[in-house]
């Protein structure tokens, strides 16, 4: 990997940085290296998505956990250009471990219920994902789901 600063736009089509690309690909070693070199974990790509967002969408729980544990993420529930959050996407795709990691980090469970889910989503599948994730993270209040 080149020594180009990770905040420099590397992918002109997506206006993404090296950290965006590594997080999206699930490249844990690259993510760790970029964070150690001072990469900005809160940089937005052209779709207003952070590296955390891309790691969540890619089901890369190790990368999600690394980004969350580095202490530099400003917001565990950033909204993209469509108003969606990483938690909403993780619930939509059934990424139980990612949902659990985001909830443990303080993502608002209300983001993954009712009207926040996209039209045409299988509410039964989304509810099952949330139930499984909450079982992995028992300290999260279930009252928000009722």
N, C-alpha and C. Protein backbone atom coordinates (compact mmCIF):
# COMPACT_ATOMS: atom_id res chain seq x y z
N UNK A 1 0.85 -1.17 0.00
CA UNK A 1 0.00 0.00 0.00
C UNK A 1 0.90 1.23 0.00
N UNK A 2 0.58 2.20 -0.79
CA UNK A 2 1.38 3.42 -0.90
C UNK A 2 1.30 4.24 0.38
N UNK A 3 2.24 5.15 0.54
CA UNK A 3 2.26 6.01 1.72
C UNK A 3 1.39 7.25 1.55
N UNK A 4 0.48 7.23 0.61
CA UNK A 4 -0.42 8.35 0.40
C UNK A 4 -1.28 8.54 1.64
N UNK A 5 -1.44 9.77 2.12
CA UNK A 5 -2.30 9.98 3.29
C UNK A 5 -3.69 9.42 3.05
N UNK A 6 -4.23 8.77 4.04
CA UNK A 6 -5.51 8.09 3.89
C UNK A 6 -6.68 9.06 3.75
N UNK A 7 -6.48 10.33 4.05
CA UNK A 7 -7.57 11.29 3.88
C UNK A 7 -7.64 11.80 2.45
N UNK A 8 -6.63 11.51 1.65
CA UNK A 8 -6.64 11.92 0.25
C UNK A 8 -7.59 11.01 -0.52
N UNK A 9 -8.38 11.60 -1.39
CA UNK A 9 -9.30 10.81 -2.20
C UNK A 9 -8.51 9.90 -3.12
N UNK A 10 -8.77 8.62 -3.00
CA UNK A 10 -8.05 7.63 -3.79
C UNK A 10 -8.91 7.07 -4.92
N UNK A 11 -10.21 6.98 -4.70
CA UNK A 11 -11.12 6.41 -5.68
C UNK A 11 -12.03 7.54 -6.17
N UNK A 12 -11.72 8.14 -7.33
CA UNK A 12 -12.50 9.29 -7.78
C UNK A 12 -13.96 8.98 -8.08
N UNK A 13 -14.29 7.73 -8.36
CA UNK A 13 -15.68 7.38 -8.67
C UNK A 13 -16.55 7.45 -7.42
N UNK A 14 -16.02 7.03 -6.31
CA UNK A 14 -16.76 7.02 -5.06
C UNK A 14 -16.35 8.15 -4.12
N UNK A 15 -15.30 8.91 -4.50
CA UNK A 15 -14.75 9.93 -3.62
C UNK A 15 -14.42 9.32 -2.26
N UNK A 16 -13.76 8.15 -2.31
CA UNK A 16 -13.44 7.44 -1.08
C UNK A 16 -11.94 7.48 -0.80
N UNK A 17 -11.61 7.21 0.44
CA UNK A 17 -10.22 7.16 0.87
C UNK A 17 -9.75 5.71 0.94
N UNK A 18 -8.48 5.55 1.22
CA UNK A 18 -7.95 4.20 1.41
C UNK A 18 -8.69 3.49 2.54
N UNK A 19 -9.03 4.23 3.58
CA UNK A 19 -9.74 3.62 4.71
C UNK A 19 -11.14 3.18 4.30
N UNK A 20 -11.82 3.97 3.52
CA UNK A 20 -13.13 3.55 3.00
C UNK A 20 -12.99 2.22 2.23
N UNK A 21 -12.01 2.19 1.34
CA UNK A 21 -11.84 1.00 0.50
C UNK A 21 -11.46 -0.22 1.31
N UNK A 22 -10.58 -0.06 2.30
CA UNK A 22 -10.16 -1.18 3.15
C UNK A 22 -11.33 -1.67 4.01
N UNK A 23 -12.10 -0.75 4.55
CA UNK A 23 -13.25 -1.12 5.38
C UNK A 23 -14.30 -1.85 4.54
N UNK A 24 -14.54 -1.35 3.36
CA UNK A 24 -15.52 -1.97 2.46
C UNK A 24 -15.10 -3.38 2.05
N UNK A 25 -13.80 -3.57 1.87
CA UNK A 25 -13.28 -4.89 1.46
C UNK A 25 -13.10 -5.84 2.65
N UNK A 26 -13.22 -5.33 3.86
CA UNK A 26 -13.02 -6.17 5.03
C UNK A 26 -11.55 -6.46 5.30
N UNK A 27 -10.68 -5.59 4.83
CA UNK A 27 -9.23 -5.77 4.98
C UNK A 27 -8.81 -5.25 6.36
N UNK A 28 -8.88 -6.12 7.36
CA UNK A 28 -8.61 -5.73 8.74
C UNK A 28 -7.20 -5.20 8.93
N UNK A 29 -6.22 -5.86 8.35
CA UNK A 29 -4.82 -5.41 8.50
C UNK A 29 -4.64 -4.00 7.94
N UNK A 30 -5.23 -3.73 6.79
CA UNK A 30 -5.11 -2.40 6.19
C UNK A 30 -5.83 -1.36 7.05
N UNK A 31 -7.00 -1.71 7.56
CA UNK A 31 -7.74 -0.78 8.42
C UNK A 31 -6.91 -0.44 9.65
N UNK A 32 -6.34 -1.46 10.29
CA UNK A 32 -5.52 -1.23 11.48
C UNK A 32 -4.31 -0.36 11.16
N UNK A 33 -3.66 -0.62 10.05
CA UNK A 33 -2.49 0.15 9.64
C UNK A 33 -2.86 1.60 9.36
N UNK A 34 -3.96 1.81 8.66
CA UNK A 34 -4.38 3.17 8.32
C UNK A 34 -4.77 3.97 9.57
N UNK A 35 -5.44 3.32 10.51
CA UNK A 35 -5.79 4.00 11.76
C UNK A 35 -4.52 4.36 12.52
N UNK A 36 -3.56 3.44 12.56
CA UNK A 36 -2.29 3.70 13.25
C UNK A 36 -1.53 4.86 12.61
N UNK A 37 -1.73 5.04 11.30
CA UNK A 37 -1.05 6.13 10.57
C UNK A 37 -1.85 7.43 10.60
N UNK A 38 -2.95 7.45 11.34
CA UNK A 38 -3.70 8.69 11.51
C UNK A 38 -4.86 8.91 10.58
N UNK A 39 -5.37 7.84 9.96
CA UNK A 39 -6.51 8.00 9.06
C UNK A 39 -7.71 8.57 9.81
N UNK A 40 -8.45 9.42 9.14
CA UNK A 40 -9.66 10.00 9.71
C UNK A 40 -10.80 9.00 9.52
N UNK A 41 -11.26 8.41 10.63
CA UNK A 41 -12.29 7.38 10.55
C UNK A 41 -13.68 7.96 10.33
N UNK A 42 -13.80 9.27 10.34
CA UNK A 42 -15.10 9.93 10.17
C UNK A 42 -15.29 10.57 8.81
N UNK A 43 -14.34 10.39 7.90
CA UNK A 43 -14.43 10.97 6.57
C UNK A 43 -15.61 10.35 5.81
N UNK A 44 -16.32 11.19 5.07
CA UNK A 44 -17.47 10.74 4.28
C UNK A 44 -17.08 10.56 2.83
N UNK A 45 -17.63 9.52 2.19
CA UNK A 45 -17.44 9.38 0.76
C UNK A 45 -18.56 10.15 0.04
N UNK A 46 -18.66 10.00 -1.26
CA UNK A 46 -19.64 10.79 -2.01
C UNK A 46 -21.09 10.45 -1.65
N UNK A 47 -21.30 9.30 -1.01
CA UNK A 47 -22.65 8.91 -0.59
C UNK A 47 -22.87 9.22 0.89
N UNK A 48 -21.95 10.01 1.45
CA UNK A 48 -22.00 10.42 2.86
C UNK A 48 -21.90 9.22 3.80
N UNK A 49 -21.10 8.24 3.40
CA UNK A 49 -20.90 7.05 4.23
C UNK A 49 -19.49 7.04 4.80
N UNK A 50 -19.38 6.71 6.06
CA UNK A 50 -18.10 6.59 6.74
C UNK A 50 -17.53 5.19 6.51
N UNK A 51 -16.26 4.98 6.85
CA UNK A 51 -15.71 3.62 6.79
C UNK A 51 -16.51 2.64 7.66
N UNK A 52 -16.99 3.09 8.83
CA UNK A 52 -17.82 2.23 9.68
C UNK A 52 -19.07 1.79 8.94
N UNK A 53 -19.70 2.71 8.26
CA UNK A 53 -20.90 2.41 7.48
C UNK A 53 -20.60 1.31 6.46
N UNK A 54 -19.50 1.47 5.72
CA UNK A 54 -19.15 0.51 4.67
C UNK A 54 -18.80 -0.86 5.25
N UNK A 55 -18.11 -0.88 6.38
CA UNK A 55 -17.78 -2.15 7.02
C UNK A 55 -19.06 -2.86 7.48
N UNK A 56 -20.01 -2.10 8.01
CA UNK A 56 -21.28 -2.68 8.46
C UNK A 56 -22.06 -3.27 7.29
N UNK A 57 -22.14 -2.52 6.21
CA UNK A 57 -22.85 -3.00 5.02
C UNK A 57 -22.19 -4.25 4.45
N UNK A 58 -20.86 -4.32 4.57
CA UNK A 58 -20.13 -5.49 4.06
C UNK A 58 -20.10 -6.67 5.00
N UNK A 59 -20.77 -6.54 6.16
CA UNK A 59 -20.81 -7.62 7.17
C UNK A 59 -19.43 -7.92 7.75
N UNK A 60 -18.56 -6.96 7.77
CA UNK A 60 -17.18 -7.16 8.26
C UNK A 60 -17.10 -6.81 9.74
N UNK A 61 -17.58 -7.73 10.58
CA UNK A 61 -17.69 -7.45 12.01
C UNK A 61 -16.35 -7.15 12.66
N UNK A 62 -15.27 -7.78 12.21
CA UNK A 62 -13.96 -7.50 12.80
C UNK A 62 -13.54 -6.06 12.52
N UNK A 63 -13.82 -5.60 11.32
CA UNK A 63 -13.50 -4.21 10.95
C UNK A 63 -14.40 -3.26 11.72
N UNK A 64 -15.67 -3.58 11.83
CA UNK A 64 -16.60 -2.76 12.61
C UNK A 64 -16.08 -2.63 14.04
N UNK A 65 -15.72 -3.75 14.65
CA UNK A 65 -15.22 -3.72 16.03
C UNK A 65 -13.93 -2.92 16.15
N UNK A 66 -13.05 -3.04 15.18
CA UNK A 66 -11.79 -2.27 15.20
C UNK A 66 -12.07 -0.78 15.12
N UNK A 67 -12.94 -0.39 14.22
CA UNK A 67 -13.28 1.03 14.08
C UNK A 67 -13.94 1.56 15.36
N UNK A 68 -14.83 0.76 15.93
CA UNK A 68 -15.52 1.20 17.14
C UNK A 68 -14.58 1.27 18.35
N UNK A 69 -13.63 0.36 18.40
CA UNK A 69 -12.74 0.31 19.57
C UNK A 69 -11.56 1.28 19.51
N UNK A 70 -11.35 1.92 18.36
CA UNK A 70 -10.21 2.84 18.25
C UNK A 70 -10.44 4.15 19.00
N UNK A 71 -11.68 4.39 19.39
CA UNK A 71 -11.99 5.58 20.16
C UNK A 71 -12.07 6.87 19.35
N UNK A 72 -12.08 6.77 18.05
CA UNK A 72 -12.08 7.95 17.20
C UNK A 72 -13.39 8.19 16.46
N UNK A 73 -14.28 7.20 16.47
CA UNK A 73 -15.55 7.34 15.74
C UNK A 73 -16.43 8.34 16.48
N UNK A 74 -16.83 9.39 15.77
CA UNK A 74 -17.67 10.44 16.37
C UNK A 74 -19.12 10.03 16.53
N UNK A 75 -19.61 9.18 15.64
CA UNK A 75 -21.04 8.86 15.61
C UNK A 75 -21.22 7.42 15.14
N UNK A 76 -21.83 6.58 15.99
CA UNK A 76 -22.06 5.18 15.59
C UNK A 76 -23.31 5.05 14.73
N UNK A 77 -24.05 6.13 14.57
CA UNK A 77 -25.26 6.10 13.75
C UNK A 77 -25.28 7.22 12.70
N UNK A 78 -24.19 7.35 11.92
CA UNK A 78 -24.21 8.41 10.91
C UNK A 78 -25.22 8.09 9.82
N UNK A 79 -25.83 9.11 9.28
CA UNK A 79 -26.81 8.91 8.21
C UNK A 79 -26.17 9.22 6.87
N UNK A 80 -26.47 8.36 5.89
CA UNK A 80 -25.94 8.58 4.55
C UNK A 80 -26.86 9.52 3.78
N UNK A 81 -26.60 9.67 2.49
CA UNK A 81 -27.37 10.61 1.67
C UNK A 81 -28.86 10.26 1.59
N UNK A 82 -29.20 9.01 1.88
CA UNK A 82 -30.60 8.58 1.86
C UNK A 82 -31.23 8.60 3.25
N UNK A 83 -30.45 8.96 4.27
CA UNK A 83 -30.96 9.00 5.63
C UNK A 83 -30.84 7.69 6.37
N UNK A 84 -30.18 6.71 5.78
CA UNK A 84 -30.02 5.40 6.41
C UNK A 84 -28.80 5.39 7.33
N UNK A 85 -28.83 4.51 8.34
CA UNK A 85 -27.72 4.34 9.26
C UNK A 85 -27.08 2.97 9.08
N UNK A 86 -25.87 2.78 9.60
CA UNK A 86 -25.26 1.44 9.54
C UNK A 86 -26.13 0.38 10.20
N UNK A 87 -26.77 0.73 11.32
CA UNK A 87 -27.64 -0.23 12.00
C UNK A 87 -28.81 -0.64 11.11
N UNK A 88 -29.42 0.31 10.45
CA UNK A 88 -30.53 -0.03 9.55
C UNK A 88 -30.08 -1.00 8.47
N UNK A 89 -28.93 -0.72 7.86
CA UNK A 89 -28.44 -1.59 6.81
C UNK A 89 -28.11 -2.98 7.35
N UNK A 90 -27.46 -3.03 8.50
CA UNK A 90 -27.09 -4.33 9.08
C UNK A 90 -28.34 -5.15 9.39
N UNK A 91 -29.39 -4.50 9.88
CA UNK A 91 -30.65 -5.21 10.14
C UNK A 91 -31.26 -5.70 8.84
N UNK A 92 -31.27 -4.84 7.83
CA UNK A 92 -31.87 -5.21 6.53
C UNK A 92 -31.22 -6.46 5.94
N UNK A 93 -29.90 -6.57 6.10
CA UNK A 93 -29.19 -7.69 5.46
C UNK A 93 -28.99 -8.87 6.40
N UNK A 94 -29.50 -8.75 7.63
CA UNK A 94 -29.41 -9.86 8.56
C UNK A 94 -28.03 -10.09 9.14
N UNK A 95 -27.23 -9.05 9.26
CA UNK A 95 -25.87 -9.15 9.79
C UNK A 95 -25.91 -9.06 11.32
N UNK A 96 -26.28 -10.16 11.94
CA UNK A 96 -26.55 -10.20 13.38
C UNK A 96 -25.37 -9.71 14.21
N UNK A 97 -24.16 -10.19 13.92
CA UNK A 97 -23.00 -9.79 14.72
C UNK A 97 -22.69 -8.31 14.57
N UNK A 98 -22.90 -7.77 13.39
CA UNK A 98 -22.69 -6.34 13.16
C UNK A 98 -23.74 -5.54 13.93
N UNK A 99 -25.00 -5.99 13.87
CA UNK A 99 -26.06 -5.32 14.62
C UNK A 99 -25.70 -5.30 16.10
N UNK A 100 -25.27 -6.43 16.63
CA UNK A 100 -24.91 -6.53 18.04
C UNK A 100 -23.76 -5.57 18.38
N UNK A 101 -22.74 -5.53 17.55
CA UNK A 101 -21.59 -4.64 17.78
C UNK A 101 -22.03 -3.18 17.79
N UNK A 102 -22.89 -2.80 16.86
CA UNK A 102 -23.37 -1.42 16.79
C UNK A 102 -24.23 -1.07 18.00
N UNK A 103 -25.08 -2.00 18.43
CA UNK A 103 -25.91 -1.75 19.61
C UNK A 103 -25.04 -1.63 20.86
N UNK A 104 -24.04 -2.48 20.99
CA UNK A 104 -23.13 -2.41 22.14
C UNK A 104 -22.39 -1.08 22.18
N UNK A 105 -22.14 -0.51 21.00
CA UNK A 105 -21.42 0.76 20.91
C UNK A 105 -22.34 1.97 21.08
N UNK A 106 -23.64 1.71 21.24
CA UNK A 106 -24.57 2.79 21.51
C UNK A 106 -25.46 3.22 20.37
N UNK A 107 -25.48 2.46 19.28
CA UNK A 107 -26.40 2.80 18.18
C UNK A 107 -27.83 2.76 18.71
N UNK A 108 -28.65 3.65 18.23
CA UNK A 108 -30.03 3.76 18.68
C UNK A 108 -30.87 2.64 18.09
N UNK A 109 -31.37 1.74 18.95
CA UNK A 109 -32.18 0.63 18.47
C UNK A 109 -33.44 1.13 17.76
N UNK A 110 -33.87 2.35 18.09
CA UNK A 110 -35.02 2.93 17.41
C UNK A 110 -34.78 3.14 15.92
N UNK A 111 -33.50 3.21 15.52
CA UNK A 111 -33.17 3.35 14.11
C UNK A 111 -33.50 2.10 13.32
N UNK A 112 -33.72 1.00 14.00
CA UNK A 112 -33.94 -0.26 13.29
C UNK A 112 -35.35 -0.79 13.48
N UNK A 113 -36.28 0.08 13.79
CA UNK A 113 -37.65 -0.37 14.01
C UNK A 113 -38.62 0.46 13.19
N UNK A 114 -39.79 -0.07 13.03
CA UNK A 114 -40.93 0.60 12.43
C UNK A 114 -40.62 1.36 11.15
N UNK A 115 -40.88 2.68 11.15
CA UNK A 115 -40.80 3.46 9.91
C UNK A 115 -39.39 3.64 9.39
N UNK A 116 -38.38 3.30 10.20
CA UNK A 116 -37.01 3.46 9.71
C UNK A 116 -36.62 2.37 8.72
N UNK A 117 -37.39 1.30 8.69
CA UNK A 117 -37.09 0.21 7.77
C UNK A 117 -37.64 0.55 6.39
N UNK A 118 -36.96 0.14 5.34
CA UNK A 118 -37.38 0.52 3.99
C UNK A 118 -38.66 -0.18 3.57
N UNK A 119 -39.40 0.48 2.71
CA UNK A 119 -40.60 -0.14 2.15
C UNK A 119 -40.20 -1.43 1.47
N UNK A 120 -40.98 -2.45 1.67
CA UNK A 120 -40.70 -3.74 1.04
C UNK A 120 -39.77 -4.62 1.85
N UNK A 121 -39.25 -4.13 2.97
CA UNK A 121 -38.41 -4.98 3.81
C UNK A 121 -39.27 -6.06 4.43
N UNK A 122 -38.66 -7.18 4.66
CA UNK A 122 -39.36 -8.23 5.37
C UNK A 122 -39.26 -7.90 6.85
N UNK A 123 -40.34 -7.39 7.42
CA UNK A 123 -40.33 -7.02 8.83
C UNK A 123 -40.06 -8.24 9.70
N UNK A 124 -40.55 -9.39 9.27
CA UNK A 124 -40.30 -10.62 10.04
C UNK A 124 -38.81 -10.92 10.07
N UNK A 125 -38.12 -10.79 8.94
CA UNK A 125 -36.68 -11.05 8.90
C UNK A 125 -35.92 -10.01 9.71
N UNK A 126 -36.33 -8.75 9.61
CA UNK A 126 -35.67 -7.69 10.38
C UNK A 126 -35.87 -7.91 11.88
N UNK A 127 -37.07 -8.30 12.27
CA UNK A 127 -37.34 -8.55 13.69
C UNK A 127 -36.51 -9.73 14.18
N UNK A 128 -36.37 -10.76 13.37
CA UNK A 128 -35.56 -11.91 13.76
C UNK A 128 -34.10 -11.51 13.93
N UNK A 129 -33.60 -10.67 13.05
CA UNK A 129 -32.22 -10.20 13.16
C UNK A 129 -32.04 -9.42 14.46
N UNK A 130 -32.97 -8.54 14.76
CA UNK A 130 -32.87 -7.77 16.00
C UNK A 130 -32.94 -8.67 17.23
N UNK A 131 -33.83 -9.65 17.22
CA UNK A 131 -33.93 -10.56 18.37
C UNK A 131 -32.61 -11.29 18.57
N UNK A 132 -32.02 -11.80 17.50
CA UNK A 132 -30.74 -12.50 17.60
C UNK A 132 -29.65 -11.57 18.12
N UNK A 133 -29.60 -10.36 17.61
CA UNK A 133 -28.57 -9.41 18.03
C UNK A 133 -28.75 -9.04 19.50
N UNK A 134 -29.98 -8.84 19.91
CA UNK A 134 -30.23 -8.49 21.31
C UNK A 134 -29.84 -9.63 22.25
N UNK A 135 -29.96 -10.85 21.78
CA UNK A 135 -29.52 -11.99 22.59
C UNK A 135 -28.01 -11.97 22.76
N UNK A 136 -27.28 -11.45 21.79
CA UNK A 136 -25.83 -11.32 21.90
C UNK A 136 -25.44 -10.14 22.78
N UNK A 137 -26.36 -9.25 23.02
CA UNK A 137 -26.07 -8.02 23.74
C UNK A 137 -27.18 -7.80 24.76
N UNK A 138 -27.24 -8.62 25.81
CA UNK A 138 -28.37 -8.66 26.73
C UNK A 138 -28.60 -7.38 27.54
N UNK A 139 -27.62 -6.51 27.62
CA UNK A 139 -27.81 -5.30 28.42
C UNK A 139 -28.59 -4.23 27.68
N UNK A 140 -28.88 -4.45 26.40
CA UNK A 140 -29.64 -3.48 25.62
C UNK A 140 -31.13 -3.62 25.96
N UNK A 141 -31.78 -2.52 26.15
CA UNK A 141 -33.20 -2.53 26.52
C UNK A 141 -34.04 -3.03 25.36
N UNK A 142 -34.90 -3.97 25.65
CA UNK A 142 -35.84 -4.46 24.64
C UNK A 142 -37.09 -3.59 24.58
N UNK A 143 -37.24 -2.70 25.55
CA UNK A 143 -38.41 -1.84 25.59
C UNK A 143 -38.54 -1.00 24.33
N UNK A 144 -37.41 -0.65 23.72
CA UNK A 144 -37.44 0.17 22.50
C UNK A 144 -38.09 -0.57 21.35
N UNK A 145 -38.14 -1.90 21.43
CA UNK A 145 -38.71 -2.68 20.34
C UNK A 145 -40.21 -2.92 20.54
N UNK A 146 -40.72 -2.59 21.67
CA UNK A 146 -42.14 -2.89 21.97
C UNK A 146 -43.03 -1.70 21.73
